[in-house]
Amino acid sequence: MEQNQLDRETFSCSICLDLLKDPVMIPCGHSYCRNCITSFWDEGERKKSYHCPQCRKTFTPRPELQKSTMLAALVEQLNKTGLPAVPADHRYAGPEDVACDVCSGRKLKAIKSCLVCLASYCEKHLQPHYDSAPFRKHKLVEPSKNLQENICSKHDEVMKMFCRTDQKCICYLCSVDEHKGHDSVSAAAERTERQRELEERRGNIQQMIQNQEKDVKLLQQEVEAINHSAEKTVEDSEKVFTQLIRLLQKRSSEVKQQIRSQQETEVSRVKDVQEKLEQEITELKRKDAELEQLSHTEDHNQFLLNYPSLPALSESTHSSSINIRPLRHFEDVTAAVSELREKLQDVLRDSWTNISLMVTEVDVLLSEPEPKSRAGFLRCSCEITLDPNTAHPQLVLSEGNKKAIVTAQHQSYSSHPDRFTYFAQVVSRESLTGRCYWEVEWSRAWIHVAVAYKNISRAGCGKVCRFGDNDKSWALLCYQNSFKFGHNDIWTSISGPVFSRLGVYLDHTSGILSFYSVSETMTLLHRVQTTFTQPLLAGVGIWEIGSSAKFHKPN
């Protein structure tokens, strides 16, 4: 086995430490893989100096490589034997290691590189740097393959200086030659200065890391707080809703019980009267039978003798003149319960709006900035549906309550407290909170595109009812190819391109309301920064017969 391992070592390349592949012999007699020696000499191409990695013999010019036919045959035969490879000796330098520049033959790994000698040494050949006083002044660093980068390519001298003017390392000859008159210092001095800057930058970075780690910790605590608060609120809300459901169930049970009790009482009363009447009918039938029998008596004396003994008719205690009132029985109860349902629905709708607003106002971090592109706005797009109960009688809604048009004829709308009675206005069913974007396509002229609080006045012709004339609405007036913006009866003229479509962006939490003129591009017409205290409704006011406005969810 030892002989076989010796054979493998004999026919191994000292560069890659593996069996020779395409073996070639160089002039000194040592053999290598063709690719290994070619790559090794390619690295020395700059100096036009080629040497043997083992014996260090130098060749000029670069020798032509010739295949070693005998070695190739021997290696092929050795491969066929399937013998185990020689165990790796980790003391020797591999392709990725820095080799000792002093070792001859198979080189050991370098453990240090000297910046003065510009050479790398194994443990044995490094010893003089520890033993000899002159060598102890040399600068030793971790093994480096880049030592030659410290040599000036022009003067073949160690670059110990730094030119601040050209920001590059130079040698002493460079400083008195092409860098003469430049701001030059020793490389050590420049390193000291750069090291100071580096430490300062590191200090800044480490401070940033500490600050951001502190922020991360705070955010993690906030996540835990949000989760805890949300879980607690869900639990408490479920308890409240459960109590409400139980209360409704209790009231439902009580109403049912009262109805059944009253049902039993009234049925009992009616049946009691019915039973007595039936008894009287029986008695009357019996008397009628006696009278009939007497009427058929042929003996006049017997008839006259028996007639006085007939009982007199008594007045019925329950005469047929019983007056049954035209009752609806329990239908009035149903109406009362339905009225309660309507009231509860109104309360729940209003309360739900407030609850929803409270939920959306839970905003730990700053809100996102207003989108800068149409694609960004589309991510906030929302569906707007007009509420028929709010439409002025001259407004006709169509296309799924997305479009409103003014007509001369009043529509037969039912009376509703939410309806605008004087101004041709209508608002949405949806309450708007958070970030929303929608578009309104308008025709002809004199149209208000607006947002308003739900409690804006609806009845009458005062400014409290018209969009933009009060503190509960914000409106963009489109008229005669121009615009005006109004809030609380303060109107401002606005310039901008007039297209048939307007975009409206609302960030309720941040108090931002923006109007855009929309075509192939979006042009900002006006932006409002305020504080919204209630959910908003989208709305339009249309002032000319035949004019229309249609809401779109852009996509």
Protein backbone atom coordinates (compact mmCIF):
# COMPACT_ATOMS: atom_id res chain seq x y z
CA MET A 1 0.00 0.00 0.00
CA GLU A 2 2.83 2.42 0.86
CA GLN A 3 4.44 1.72 -2.52
CA ASN A 4 1.14 2.40 -4.32
CA GLN A 5 0.74 5.69 -2.43
CA LEU A 6 4.33 6.59 -3.31
CA ASP A 7 3.53 5.88 -6.98
CA ARG A 8 0.56 8.23 -6.84
CA GLU A 9 2.63 10.98 -5.17
CA THR A 10 5.36 10.51 -7.76
CA PHE A 11 2.90 11.06 -10.60
CA SER A 12 0.97 13.94 -8.94
CA CYS A 13 1.08 17.56 -10.00
CA SER A 14 2.69 19.73 -7.30
CA ILE A 15 0.30 22.57 -8.17
CA CYS A 16 -3.11 20.86 -7.93
CA LEU A 17 -1.82 17.88 -5.85
CA ASP A 18 -3.83 15.48 -7.99
CA LEU A 19 -2.73 12.89 -10.53
CA LEU A 20 -1.29 14.50 -13.63
CA LYS A 21 -3.81 15.39 -16.32
CA ASP A 22 -2.40 15.86 -19.83
CA PRO A 23 1.14 15.85 -18.32
CA VAL A 24 3.79 18.15 -19.79
CA MET A 25 7.49 18.48 -18.92
CA ILE A 26 9.23 21.88 -18.69
CA PRO A 27 12.94 22.43 -19.47
CA CYS A 28 14.12 21.85 -15.87
CA GLY A 29 12.64 18.32 -15.97
CA HIS A 30 9.65 18.82 -13.65
CA SER A 31 6.23 17.76 -14.85
CA TYR A 32 2.80 19.39 -14.37
CA CYS A 33 -0.74 19.26 -15.65
CA ARG A 34 -0.89 21.33 -18.82
CA ASN A 35 -3.67 23.55 -17.45
CA CYS A 36 -1.93 24.03 -14.08
CA ILE A 37 1.43 25.22 -15.45
CA THR A 38 -0.28 27.29 -18.14
CA SER A 39 -2.36 29.13 -15.52
CA PHE A 40 0.70 29.54 -13.29
CA TRP A 41 2.71 31.13 -16.07
CA ASP A 42 -0.22 33.26 -17.18
CA GLU A 43 -0.04 34.99 -13.78
CA GLY A 44 3.63 35.92 -14.46
CA GLU A 45 2.86 37.23 -17.93
CA ARG A 46 3.25 40.87 -16.80
CA LYS A 47 6.92 40.45 -15.85
CA LYS A 48 7.72 38.22 -18.83
CA SER A 49 9.48 35.94 -16.36
CA TYR A 50 8.57 32.26 -16.12
CA HIS A 51 9.93 29.90 -13.48
CA CYS A 52 9.40 26.40 -12.18
CA PRO A 53 7.11 26.27 -9.14
CA GLN A 54 9.37 23.66 -7.53
CA CYS A 55 13.01 24.51 -8.32
CA ARG A 56 12.41 28.24 -9.08
CA LYS A 57 14.53 28.02 -12.28
CA THR A 58 13.66 30.91 -14.59
CA PHE A 59 13.04 30.61 -18.34
CA THR A 60 13.13 33.33 -20.96
CA PRO A 61 11.28 33.30 -23.28
CA ARG A 62 8.25 31.30 -22.18
CA PRO A 63 8.92 27.65 -23.04
CA GLU A 64 6.68 25.72 -25.38
CA LEU A 65 4.92 22.91 -23.54
CA GLN A 66 5.36 19.43 -24.89
CA LYS A 67 3.20 16.49 -23.86
CA SER A 68 5.02 13.79 -21.88
CA THR A 69 3.79 10.66 -23.65
CA MET A 70 5.43 8.22 -21.21
CA LEU A 71 4.03 9.99 -18.13
CA ALA A 72 0.58 10.13 -19.74
CA ALA A 73 0.65 6.36 -20.28
CA LEU A 74 1.86 5.66 -16.73
CA VAL A 75 -0.79 7.93 -15.20
CA GLU A 76 -3.50 6.28 -17.30
CA GLN A 77 -2.33 2.85 -16.12
CA LEU A 78 -2.25 4.07 -12.50
CA ASN A 79 -5.79 5.35 -12.83
CA LYS A 80 -6.95 1.93 -14.00
CA THR A 81 -5.65 0.25 -10.86
CA GLY A 82 -8.25 2.06 -8.74
CA LEU A 83 -5.77 2.55 -5.89
CA PRO A 84 -6.71 4.94 -3.09
CA ALA A 85 -5.41 8.47 -3.27
CA VAL A 86 -2.73 9.78 -0.98
CA PRO A 87 -4.26 11.30 2.15
CA ALA A 88 -4.24 15.06 1.96
CA ASP A 89 -1.49 16.81 3.87
CA HIS A 90 -2.99 20.09 5.01
CA ARG A 91 0.42 21.63 5.58
CA TYR A 92 0.94 21.97 1.84
CA ALA A 93 -0.53 24.83 -0.13
CA GLY A 94 -3.48 24.08 -2.38
CA PRO A 95 -4.77 26.10 -5.32
CA GLU A 96 -6.74 28.44 -3.02
CA ASP A 97 -3.95 28.86 -0.46
CA VAL A 98 -1.05 31.34 -0.31
CA ALA A 99 2.18 29.36 -0.78
CA CYS A 100 5.47 30.03 0.93
CA ASP A 101 7.77 31.92 -1.46
CA VAL A 102 10.92 30.32 0.04
CA CYS A 103 9.97 26.63 -0.04
CA SER A 104 11.47 24.63 -2.90
CA GLY A 105 9.70 21.64 -4.37
CA ARG A 106 6.24 21.16 -2.94
CA LYS A 107 5.41 24.35 -1.11
CA LEU A 108 3.94 24.66 2.36
CA LYS A 109 1.14 27.03 3.22
CA ALA A 110 2.21 30.54 4.19
CA ILE A 111 1.15 31.71 7.64
CA LYS A 112 2.21 35.35 7.23
CA SER A 113 3.05 37.82 4.48
CA CYS A 114 5.64 40.58 4.94
CA LEU A 115 4.80 44.02 3.55
CA VAL A 116 8.50 44.97 3.56
CA CYS A 117 9.88 41.83 1.93
CA LEU A 118 6.78 41.51 -0.24
CA ALA A 119 6.93 37.77 0.29
CA SER A 120 4.91 35.11 2.09
CA TYR A 121 6.41 32.60 4.50
CA CYS A 122 5.60 29.26 6.04
CA GLU A 123 6.19 28.77 9.75
CA LYS A 124 9.79 27.59 9.22
CA HIS A 125 10.87 30.35 6.83
CA LEU A 126 9.10 33.04 8.89
CA GLN A 127 11.27 32.35 11.93
CA PRO A 128 14.06 34.85 10.97
CA HIS A 129 11.46 37.64 11.22
CA TYR A 130 11.10 36.72 14.89
CA ASP A 131 14.76 35.95 15.61
CA SER A 132 16.62 38.72 13.76
CA ALA A 133 16.41 42.30 15.05
CA PRO A 134 16.25 43.96 11.58
CA PHE A 135 13.40 41.64 10.49
CA ARG A 136 11.39 42.35 13.65
CA LYS A 137 10.69 45.85 12.32
CA HIS A 138 8.95 44.41 9.26
CA LYS A 139 5.17 44.55 9.01
CA LEU A 140 3.63 41.07 9.07
CA VAL A 141 0.04 40.54 7.94
CA GLU A 142 -2.22 37.62 7.20
CA PRO A 143 -1.19 35.65 4.09
CA SER A 144 -2.02 37.63 0.95
CA LYS A 145 -1.89 36.81 -2.74
CA ASN A 146 -1.95 40.52 -3.60
CA LEU A 147 1.52 41.54 -2.42
CA GLN A 148 2.62 42.40 -5.95
CA GLU A 149 -0.05 45.10 -6.03
CA ASN A 150 2.20 47.02 -3.59
CA ILE A 151 4.92 47.28 -6.30
CA CYS A 152 4.96 50.31 -8.59
CA SER A 153 4.49 48.99 -12.13
CA LYS A 154 6.65 51.81 -13.55
CA HIS A 155 9.59 51.90 -11.14
CA ASP A 156 9.39 48.39 -9.65
CA GLU A 157 9.57 49.95 -6.18
CA VAL A 158 7.40 49.43 -3.10
CA MET A 159 4.61 52.03 -3.01
CA LYS A 160 5.00 53.62 0.43
CA MET A 161 3.41 56.96 -0.38
CA PHE A 162 -0.07 58.22 -1.23
CA CYS A 163 -0.90 61.04 -3.63
CA ARG A 164 -3.90 62.89 -2.27
CA THR A 165 -4.16 64.92 -5.46
CA ASP A 166 -4.69 61.84 -7.63
CA GLN A 167 -5.98 59.61 -4.82
CA LYS A 168 -3.60 56.72 -5.53
CA CYS A 169 -0.67 54.87 -3.99
CA ILE A 170 2.75 55.77 -5.41
CA CYS A 171 6.43 54.99 -4.80
CA TYR A 172 9.09 57.54 -3.82
CA LEU A 173 10.28 57.93 -7.43
CA CYS A 174 6.71 58.73 -8.50
CA SER A 175 6.58 61.55 -5.94
CA VAL A 176 9.55 63.29 -7.57
CA ASP A 177 8.52 62.40 -11.09
CA GLU A 178 4.99 62.63 -12.53
CA HIS A 179 3.49 63.40 -9.09
CA LYS A 180 5.94 66.19 -8.33
CA GLY A 181 4.28 69.13 -6.63
CA HIS A 182 1.24 67.03 -5.67
CA ASP A 183 -0.07 66.73 -2.13
CA SER A 184 1.71 63.51 -1.18
CA VAL A 185 2.07 61.88 2.23
CA SER A 186 3.29 58.54 3.49
CA ALA A 187 0.88 55.67 3.06
CA ALA A 188 1.00 55.19 6.84
CA ALA A 189 -0.07 58.81 7.44
CA GLU A 190 -2.89 58.54 4.92
CA ARG A 191 -3.94 55.25 6.49
CA THR A 192 -4.04 56.91 9.90
CA GLU A 193 -6.27 59.68 8.53
CA ARG A 194 -8.52 57.26 6.64
CA GLN A 195 -8.60 54.97 9.68
CA ARG A 196 -9.84 57.90 11.77
CA GLU A 197 -12.53 58.61 9.16
CA LEU A 198 -13.36 54.92 9.00
CA GLU A 199 -13.74 54.69 12.76
CA GLU A 200 -15.93 57.78 12.73
CA ARG A 201 -18.09 56.29 9.99
CA ARG A 202 -18.23 53.00 11.87
CA GLY A 203 -19.25 54.93 14.95
CA ASN A 204 -22.04 56.61 12.99
CA ILE A 205 -23.13 53.30 11.49
CA GLN A 206 -23.07 51.59 14.89
CA GLN A 207 -25.10 54.46 16.34
CA MET A 208 -27.58 54.08 13.48
CA ILE A 209 -27.70 50.34 14.14
CA GLN A 210 -28.39 50.99 17.83
CA ASN A 211 -31.09 53.53 16.98
CA GLN A 212 -32.72 51.24 14.47
CA GLU A 213 -32.47 48.25 16.79
CA LYS A 214 -34.19 50.42 19.40
CA ASP A 215 -36.84 51.30 16.81
CA VAL A 216 -37.23 47.64 15.88
CA LYS A 217 -37.72 46.83 19.56
CA LEU A 218 -40.29 49.60 19.87
CA LEU A 219 -42.08 48.37 16.75
CA GLN A 220 -42.09 44.84 18.12
CA GLN A 221 -43.56 46.15 21.36
CA GLU A 222 -46.11 48.09 19.32
CA VAL A 223 -47.00 44.93 17.37
CA GLU A 224 -47.56 43.13 20.66
CA ALA A 225 -49.61 46.07 21.97
CA ILE A 226 -51.70 46.20 18.78
CA ASN A 227 -52.32 42.45 18.90
CA HIS A 228 -53.20 42.56 22.60
CA SER A 229 -55.50 45.56 22.13
CA ALA A 230 -57.16 44.01 19.07
CA GLU A 231 -57.72 40.68 20.83
CA LYS A 232 -59.09 42.43 23.94
CA THR A 233 -61.37 44.64 21.81
CA VAL A 234 -62.64 41.66 19.79
CA GLU A 235 -63.35 39.81 23.02
CA ASP A 236 -65.11 42.82 24.60
CA SER A 237 -67.03 43.58 21.40
CA GLU A 238 -68.22 39.99 21.16
CA LYS A 239 -69.41 40.20 24.77
CA VAL A 240 -71.31 43.43 24.04
CA PHE A 241 -72.88 42.05 20.86
CA THR A 242 -73.72 38.83 22.68
CA GLN A 243 -75.43 40.87 25.39
CA LEU A 244 -77.33 42.82 22.73
CA ILE A 245 -78.39 39.59 21.03
CA ARG A 246 -79.48 38.14 24.37
CA LEU A 247 -81.40 41.33 25.18
CA LEU A 248 -83.17 41.14 21.81
CA GLN A 249 -83.87 37.45 22.36
CA LYS A 250 -85.21 38.27 25.84
CA ARG A 251 -87.46 41.02 24.45
CA SER A 252 -88.56 38.69 21.66
CA SER A 253 -89.42 36.02 24.23
CA GLU A 254 -91.30 38.56 26.39
CA VAL A 255 -93.30 39.84 23.40
CA LYS A 256 -94.07 36.26 22.41
CA GLN A 257 -95.13 35.43 25.96
CA GLN A 258 -97.35 38.54 26.19
CA ILE A 259 -98.94 37.75 22.83
CA ARG A 260 -99.62 34.15 23.88
CA SER A 261 -101.02 35.29 27.23
CA GLN A 262 -103.28 37.86 25.62
CA GLN A 263 -104.23 35.33 22.96
CA GLU A 264 -105.29 32.88 25.69
CA THR A 265 -107.24 35.55 27.61
CA GLU A 266 -109.13 36.81 24.58
CA VAL A 267 -109.86 33.33 23.26
CA SER A 268 -111.12 32.31 26.73
CA ARG A 269 -113.41 35.36 26.91
CA VAL A 270 -114.80 34.73 23.44
CA LYS A 271 -115.33 31.02 24.11
CA ASP A 272 -117.09 31.77 27.42
CA VAL A 273 -119.58 34.05 25.66
CA GLN A 274 -119.88 31.52 22.85
CA GLU A 275 -120.63 28.70 25.34
CA LYS A 276 -123.32 30.70 27.13
CA LEU A 277 -124.91 31.65 23.85
CA GLU A 278 -124.94 28.01 22.79
CA GLN A 279 -126.66 27.08 26.12
CA GLU A 280 -129.31 29.74 25.52
CA ILE A 281 -129.82 28.48 21.99
CA THR A 282 -130.41 24.97 23.38
CA GLU A 283 -132.94 26.28 25.90
CA LEU A 284 -134.70 28.34 23.26
CA LYS A 285 -134.92 25.33 20.97
CA ARG A 286 -136.48 23.31 23.80
CA LYS A 287 -139.11 26.03 24.43
CA ASP A 288 -139.74 26.34 20.73
CA ALA A 289 -140.42 22.58 20.63
CA GLU A 290 -142.95 22.88 23.50
CA LEU A 291 -144.71 25.73 21.75
CA GLU A 292 -144.77 23.80 18.52
CA GLN A 293 -146.28 20.82 20.31
CA LEU A 294 -148.93 23.02 21.95
CA SER A 295 -149.71 24.65 18.64
CA HIS A 296 -150.67 21.26 17.25
CA THR A 297 -153.17 20.50 20.15
CA GLU A 298 -156.63 20.04 18.62
CA ASP A 299 -158.55 20.23 21.89
CA HIS A 300 -159.25 23.90 22.44
CA ASN A 301 -159.79 23.46 26.17
CA GLN A 302 -156.48 21.68 26.60
CA PHE A 303 -154.69 24.38 24.57
CA LEU A 304 -156.19 27.13 26.71
CA LEU A 305 -155.54 25.20 29.89
CA ASN A 306 -151.82 24.63 29.13
CA TYR A 307 -150.99 27.93 27.45
CA PRO A 308 -150.77 29.99 30.69
CA SER A 309 -148.35 27.48 32.20
CA LEU A 310 -145.70 28.16 29.51
CA PRO A 311 -142.64 29.98 30.97
CA ALA A 312 -142.13 33.53 29.98
CA LEU A 313 -139.17 34.36 27.73
CA SER A 314 -136.34 36.00 29.62
CA GLU A 315 -134.00 38.59 28.05
CA SER A 316 -130.84 37.02 26.66
CA THR A 317 -127.74 37.92 28.61
CA HIS A 318 -125.78 37.68 25.39
CA SER A 319 -127.94 39.04 22.70
CA SER A 320 -127.23 38.67 19.05
CA SER A 321 -126.52 42.36 19.01
CA ILE A 322 -122.94 41.64 20.26
CA ASN A 323 -120.79 44.24 18.54
CA ILE A 324 -117.42 42.78 17.48
CA ARG A 325 -115.09 45.68 16.82
CA PRO A 326 -113.25 45.65 13.48
CA LEU A 327 -109.96 44.64 15.09
CA ARG A 328 -106.62 43.93 13.39
CA HIS A 329 -106.00 41.62 16.29
CA PHE A 330 -102.20 41.47 16.80
CA GLU A 331 -101.16 43.13 13.52
CA ASP A 332 -100.52 46.37 15.39
CA VAL A 333 -97.93 44.54 17.47
CA THR A 334 -96.19 43.47 14.25
CA ALA A 335 -96.19 47.09 13.10
CA ALA A 336 -94.73 48.22 16.42
CA VAL A 337 -92.00 45.57 16.24
CA SER A 338 -91.24 46.58 12.64
CA GLU A 339 -90.99 50.20 13.73
CA LEU A 340 -88.55 49.11 16.44
CA ARG A 341 -86.52 47.25 13.81
CA GLU A 342 -86.33 50.37 11.62
CA LYS A 343 -85.20 52.47 14.56
CA LEU A 344 -82.59 49.88 15.55
CA GLN A 345 -81.34 49.72 11.97
CA ASP A 346 -80.93 53.50 11.94
CA VAL A 347 -79.11 53.41 15.26
CA LEU A 348 -76.91 50.52 14.16
CA ARG A 349 -76.12 52.22 10.85
CA ASP A 350 -75.08 55.44 12.54
CA SER A 351 -73.24 53.60 15.29
CA TRP A 352 -71.55 51.34 12.76
CA THR A 353 -70.25 54.38 10.87
CA ASN A 354 -68.71 55.71 14.08
CA ILE A 355 -67.34 52.29 15.01
CA SER A 356 -65.82 51.89 11.53
CA LEU A 357 -64.25 55.34 11.80
CA MET A 358 -62.79 54.47 15.19
CA VAL A 359 -61.28 51.30 13.72
CA THR A 360 -59.73 53.07 10.72
CA GLU A 361 -58.34 55.81 12.95
CA VAL A 362 -56.14 53.24 14.68
CA ASP A 363 -53.03 54.36 12.78
CA VAL A 364 -49.79 53.73 14.63
CA LEU A 365 -47.44 54.83 11.85
CA LEU A 366 -47.70 57.85 9.60
CA SER A 367 -50.10 57.40 6.69
CA GLU A 368 -48.74 56.58 3.30
CA PRO A 369 -47.99 59.57 1.06
CA GLU A 370 -50.40 60.52 -1.68
CA PRO A 371 -49.86 58.34 -4.78
CA LYS A 372 -47.64 59.79 -7.51
CA SER A 373 -48.94 57.76 -10.44
CA ARG A 374 -52.29 56.61 -11.78
CA ALA A 375 -51.34 53.04 -10.87
CA GLY A 376 -50.93 54.19 -7.26
CA PHE A 377 -54.37 55.84 -7.27
CA LEU A 378 -55.94 52.72 -8.76
CA ARG A 379 -54.78 50.73 -5.75
CA CYS A 380 -57.02 53.02 -3.63
CA SER A 381 -60.03 52.94 -5.98
CA CYS A 382 -63.46 52.38 -4.41
CA GLU A 383 -67.04 51.79 -5.51
CA ILE A 384 -69.46 54.73 -5.18
CA THR A 385 -73.23 54.14 -5.32
CA LEU A 386 -75.71 57.02 -5.11
CA ASP A 387 -78.43 56.83 -2.45
CA PRO A 388 -81.93 57.24 -4.01
CA ASN A 389 -83.31 58.39 -0.65
CA THR A 390 -81.11 61.52 -0.88
CA ALA A 391 -81.73 62.43 -4.54
CA HIS A 392 -83.55 65.68 -5.31
CA PRO A 393 -86.88 64.99 -7.11
CA GLN A 394 -85.50 66.38 -10.40
CA LEU A 395 -82.57 63.93 -10.39
CA VAL A 396 -83.02 60.63 -12.22
CA LEU A 397 -80.65 57.85 -11.13
CA SER A 398 -79.67 55.08 -13.55
CA GLU A 399 -76.97 52.50 -14.38
CA GLY A 400 -77.16 50.86 -10.99
CA ASN A 401 -77.41 54.23 -9.19
CA LYS A 402 -74.03 55.27 -10.63
CA LYS A 403 -75.37 58.04 -12.87
CA ALA A 404 -77.52 61.11 -12.12
CA ILE A 405 -79.16 63.41 -14.69
CA VAL A 406 -81.29 66.53 -14.19
CA THR A 407 -84.74 66.59 -15.78
CA ALA A 408 -87.47 69.25 -15.87
CA GLN A 409 -90.03 66.79 -14.51
CA HIS A 410 -90.20 65.93 -10.82
CA GLN A 411 -89.94 62.24 -10.00
CA SER A 412 -92.43 60.48 -7.73
CA TYR A 413 -89.95 59.83 -4.95
CA SER A 414 -91.28 58.97 -1.51
CA SER A 415 -90.84 61.46 1.29
CA HIS A 416 -87.59 60.88 3.17
CA PRO A 417 -85.75 62.99 5.78
CA ASP A 418 -82.42 62.49 3.95
CA ARG A 419 -83.68 63.92 0.63
CA PHE A 420 -82.41 67.26 -0.70
CA THR A 421 -85.56 69.30 -1.21
CA TYR A 422 -84.30 72.43 -3.00
CA PHE A 423 -80.86 71.85 -4.55
CA ALA A 424 -80.44 69.16 -7.23
CA GLN A 425 -77.94 67.20 -5.16
CA VAL A 426 -77.39 63.56 -4.19
CA VAL A 427 -74.89 61.76 -1.96
CA SER A 428 -73.51 58.23 -1.77
CA ARG A 429 -74.67 55.29 0.27
CA GLU A 430 -71.09 54.55 1.25
CA SER A 431 -69.45 56.30 4.19
CA LEU A 432 -65.84 57.09 3.26
CA THR A 433 -62.94 56.66 5.66
CA GLY A 434 -59.31 55.68 5.12
CA ARG A 435 -57.81 56.11 1.63
CA CYS A 436 -60.26 56.25 -1.30
CA TYR A 437 -60.10 57.24 -4.96
CA TRP A 438 -62.97 57.55 -7.45
CA GLU A 439 -63.69 59.32 -10.72
CA VAL A 440 -66.69 61.32 -11.94
CA GLU A 441 -67.49 61.72 -15.63
CA TRP A 442 -69.53 64.87 -16.24
CA SER A 443 -71.28 66.43 -19.23
CA ARG A 444 -72.19 70.01 -20.10
CA ALA A 445 -71.63 72.39 -17.20
CA TRP A 446 -72.35 73.66 -13.68
CA ILE A 447 -71.65 70.57 -11.67
CA HIS A 448 -70.45 70.32 -8.07
CA VAL A 449 -68.23 67.30 -7.35
CA ALA A 450 -68.17 67.15 -3.58
CA VAL A 451 -67.68 65.34 -0.29
CA ALA A 452 -69.86 66.10 2.73
CA TYR A 453 -70.61 65.01 6.25
CA LYS A 454 -73.77 62.95 6.68
CA ASN A 455 -75.34 65.60 8.91
CA ILE A 456 -75.34 68.27 6.19
CA SER A 457 -78.76 69.92 6.09
CA ARG A 458 -81.08 68.63 3.38
CA ALA A 459 -84.31 70.68 3.56
CA GLY A 460 -84.62 74.23 2.31
CA CYS A 461 -82.69 76.64 0.10
CA GLY A 462 -80.14 77.98 2.59
CA LYS A 463 -76.37 77.77 2.24
CA VAL A 464 -76.34 75.11 4.94
CA CYS A 465 -77.67 72.72 2.28
CA ARG A 466 -75.57 73.51 -0.81
CA PHE A 467 -72.22 71.83 -1.39
CA GLY A 468 -69.27 74.13 -0.69
CA ASP A 469 -71.33 76.86 1.02
CA ASN A 470 -70.96 75.47 4.55
CA ASP A 471 -68.45 73.93 6.92
CA LYS A 472 -69.81 70.42 6.34
CA SER A 473 -68.91 70.08 2.67
CA TRP A 474 -66.03 70.56 0.22
CA ALA A 475 -66.84 71.02 -3.47
CA LEU A 476 -65.19 71.57 -6.85
CA LEU A 477 -67.47 73.57 -9.15
CA CYS A 478 -67.02 72.86 -12.87
CA TYR A 479 -68.47 75.59 -15.06
CA GLN A 480 -67.77 77.39 -18.36
CA ASN A 481 -64.50 75.52 -18.93
CA SER A 482 -63.08 76.56 -15.57
CA PHE A 483 -63.11 75.52 -11.92
CA LYS A 484 -63.76 76.90 -8.46
CA PHE A 485 -63.18 75.25 -5.10
CA GLY A 486 -65.45 76.02 -2.18
CA HIS A 487 -65.67 75.29 1.53
CA ASN A 488 -67.61 77.20 4.18
CA ASP A 489 -68.77 79.67 1.47
CA ILE A 490 -65.20 80.64 0.54
CA TRP A 491 -64.64 80.08 -3.18
CA THR A 492 -61.29 80.09 -4.98
CA SER A 493 -60.78 80.14 -8.74
CA ILE A 494 -58.61 77.31 -10.05
CA SER A 495 -56.82 76.99 -13.37
CA GLY A 496 -56.12 73.69 -15.07
CA PRO A 497 -56.97 71.54 -18.06
CA VAL A 498 -60.69 70.82 -18.40
CA PHE A 499 -61.47 67.22 -19.24
CA SER A 500 -64.72 65.31 -18.98
CA ARG A 501 -63.46 63.22 -16.09
CA LEU A 502 -62.45 64.29 -12.60
CA GLY A 503 -60.53 62.19 -10.09
CA VAL A 504 -61.09 62.58 -6.34
CA TYR A 505 -58.55 61.29 -3.79
CA LEU A 506 -59.39 61.18 -0.09
CA ASP A 507 -57.08 60.25 2.78
CA HIS A 508 -59.50 60.67 5.66
CA THR A 509 -56.96 59.90 8.38
CA SER A 510 -54.38 62.39 7.08
CA GLY A 511 -57.04 64.98 6.21
CA ILE A 512 -56.10 65.16 2.52
CA LEU A 513 -58.63 65.83 -0.24
CA SER A 514 -57.35 66.23 -3.82
CA PHE A 515 -59.08 66.86 -7.14
CA TYR A 516 -57.50 65.82 -10.45
CA SER A 517 -58.33 66.47 -14.08
CA VAL A 518 -58.04 63.07 -15.75
CA SER A 519 -57.25 62.16 -19.37
CA GLU A 520 -54.30 60.04 -20.43
CA THR A 521 -52.49 61.79 -17.59
CA MET A 522 -53.58 63.19 -14.24
CA THR A 523 -53.24 66.91 -13.45
CA LEU A 524 -53.67 68.11 -9.88
CA LEU A 525 -56.28 70.90 -9.73
CA HIS A 526 -56.53 71.48 -5.99
CA ARG A 527 -55.44 69.87 -2.72
CA VAL A 528 -56.95 70.43 0.72
CA GLN A 529 -55.16 69.71 4.00
CA THR A 530 -57.56 69.71 6.92
CA THR A 531 -58.95 67.53 9.73
CA PHE A 532 -62.03 65.43 9.06
CA THR A 533 -64.04 64.78 12.21
CA GLN A 534 -66.69 62.48 10.70
CA PRO A 535 -66.97 59.96 7.87
CA LEU A 536 -67.64 61.58 4.49
CA LEU A 537 -70.14 60.95 1.72
CA ALA A 538 -69.34 61.46 -1.96
CA GLY A 539 -71.82 63.67 -3.77
CA VAL A 540 -72.69 65.71 -6.86
CA GLY A 541 -74.85 68.75 -7.48
CA ILE A 542 -76.12 69.33 -11.03
CA TRP A 543 -77.61 72.68 -12.03
CA GLU A 544 -78.60 72.52 -15.74
CA ILE A 545 -81.40 70.50 -17.33
CA GLY A 546 -79.86 67.62 -19.25
CA SER A 547 -76.51 67.74 -17.44
CA SER A 548 -75.32 64.49 -15.90
CA ALA A 549 -72.63 62.99 -13.71
CA LYS A 550 -71.53 59.36 -13.58
CA PHE A 551 -69.38 57.73 -10.91
CA HIS A 552 -66.67 55.28 -12.00
CA LYS A 553 -64.49 52.86 -10.10
CA PRO A 554 -61.28 53.25 -12.15
CA ASN A 555 -59.39 50.12 -13.12
